[in-house]
């Protein structure tokens, strides 16, 4: 089972929720100095906002 499989199970395979989970994790890692190379916290927070808006539409 891959990390993506676990995320899909957690959110009933809802694409937007899965992306929110991944971006939230990357934001947390970045705040601890272990961020993904080339990805800023602002970028991931923007993704969280974007996918959240998709859910509430």
C-alpha atoms as a PDB file:
ATOM      1  CA  UNK A   1       0.000   0.000   0.000  1.00  0.00           C
ATOM      2  CA  UNK A   2       1.387   3.427  -0.956  1.00  0.00           C
ATOM      3  CA  UNK A   3       1.006   6.756   0.822  1.00  0.00           C
ATOM      4  CA  UNK A   4      -1.492   7.819  -1.851  1.00  0.00           C
ATOM      5  CA  UNK A   5      -3.520   4.658  -1.186  1.00  0.00           C
ATOM      6  CA  UNK A   6      -3.714   5.552   2.511  1.00  0.00           C
ATOM      7  CA  UNK A   7      -4.791   9.119   1.713  1.00  0.00           C
ATOM      8  CA  UNK A   8      -7.480   7.858  -0.687  1.00  0.00           C
ATOM      9  CA  UNK A   9      -8.813   5.542   2.015  1.00  0.00           C
ATOM     10  CA  UNK A  10      -8.846   8.383   4.549  1.00  0.00           C
ATOM     11  CA  UNK A  11     -10.939  10.668   2.348  1.00  0.00           C
ATOM     12  CA  UNK A  12     -13.107   8.129   0.487  1.00  0.00           C
ATOM     13  CA  UNK A  13     -11.173   8.791  -2.721  1.00  0.00           C
ATOM     14  CA  UNK A  14     -12.260  12.462  -2.840  1.00  0.00           C
ATOM     15  CA  UNK A  15      -9.601  14.162  -4.993  1.00  0.00           C
ATOM     16  CA  UNK A  16      -9.866  17.628  -3.414  1.00  0.00           C
ATOM     17  CA  UNK A  17      -9.662  16.298   0.142  1.00  0.00           C
ATOM     18  CA  UNK A  18      -6.642  14.182  -0.760  1.00  0.00           C
ATOM     19  CA  UNK A  19      -4.841  17.237  -2.085  1.00  0.00           C
ATOM     20  CA  UNK A  20      -5.668  19.161   1.073  1.00  0.00           C
ATOM     21  CA  UNK A  21      -4.181  16.369   3.201  1.00  0.00           C
ATOM     22  CA  UNK A  22      -1.003  16.280   1.121  1.00  0.00           C
ATOM     23  CA  UNK A  23      -0.569  20.068   1.099  1.00  0.00           C
ATOM     24  CA  UNK A  24      -1.205  20.236   4.850  1.00  0.00           C
ATOM     25  CA  UNK A  25       1.459  17.615   5.482  1.00  0.00           C
ATOM     26  CA  UNK A  26       3.971  19.445   3.266  1.00  0.00           C
ATOM     27  CA  UNK A  27       3.204  22.692   5.127  1.00  0.00           C
ATOM     28  CA  UNK A  28       3.827  20.973   8.449  1.00  0.00           C
ATOM     29  CA  UNK A  29       7.085  19.474   7.197  1.00  0.00           C
ATOM     30  CA  UNK A  30       8.237  22.853   5.844  1.00  0.00           C
ATOM     31  CA  UNK A  31       7.604  24.525   9.197  1.00  0.00           C
ATOM     32  CA  UNK A  32       9.950  21.959  10.724  1.00  0.00           C
ATOM     33  CA  UNK A  33      12.666  22.664   8.165  1.00  0.00           C
ATOM     34  CA  UNK A  34      11.961  19.560   6.075  1.00  0.00           C
ATOM     35  CA  UNK A  35       9.958  21.090   3.252  1.00  0.00           C
ATOM     36  CA  UNK A  36       9.769  19.812  -0.300  1.00  0.00           C
ATOM     37  CA  UNK A  37      12.446  21.398  -2.486  1.00  0.00           C
ATOM     38  CA  UNK A  38      11.075  24.156  -4.692  1.00  0.00           C
ATOM     39  CA  UNK A  39       7.703  24.341  -2.903  1.00  0.00           C
ATOM     40  CA  UNK A  40       6.974  27.241  -0.559  1.00  0.00           C
ATOM     41  CA  UNK A  41       4.583  27.221   2.378  1.00  0.00           C
ATOM     42  CA  UNK A  42       2.578  29.965   0.631  1.00  0.00           C
ATOM     43  CA  UNK A  43       2.155  27.735  -2.428  1.00  0.00           C
ATOM     44  CA  UNK A  44       0.814  24.838  -0.370  1.00  0.00           C
ATOM     45  CA  UNK A  45      -1.482  27.106   1.649  1.00  0.00           C
ATOM     46  CA  UNK A  46      -2.817  28.489  -1.636  1.00  0.00           C
ATOM     47  CA  UNK A  47      -3.511  24.913  -2.758  1.00  0.00           C
ATOM     48  CA  UNK A  48      -5.383  24.216   0.475  1.00  0.00           C
ATOM     49  CA  UNK A  49      -7.555  27.290  -0.101  1.00  0.00           C
ATOM     50  CA  UNK A  50      -8.133  26.389  -3.767  1.00  0.00           C
ATOM     51  CA  UNK A  51      -9.198  22.809  -3.078  1.00  0.00           C
ATOM     52  CA  UNK A  52     -11.318  23.906  -0.090  1.00  0.00           C
ATOM     53  CA  UNK A  53     -13.233  26.265  -2.352  1.00  0.00           C
ATOM     54  CA  UNK A  54     -13.822  23.390  -4.785  1.00  0.00           C
ATOM     55  CA  UNK A  55     -15.428  21.394  -1.991  1.00  0.00           C
ATOM     56  CA  UNK A  56     -17.827  24.128  -0.906  1.00  0.00           C
ATOM     57  CA  UNK A  57     -19.006  24.958  -4.444  1.00  0.00           C
END
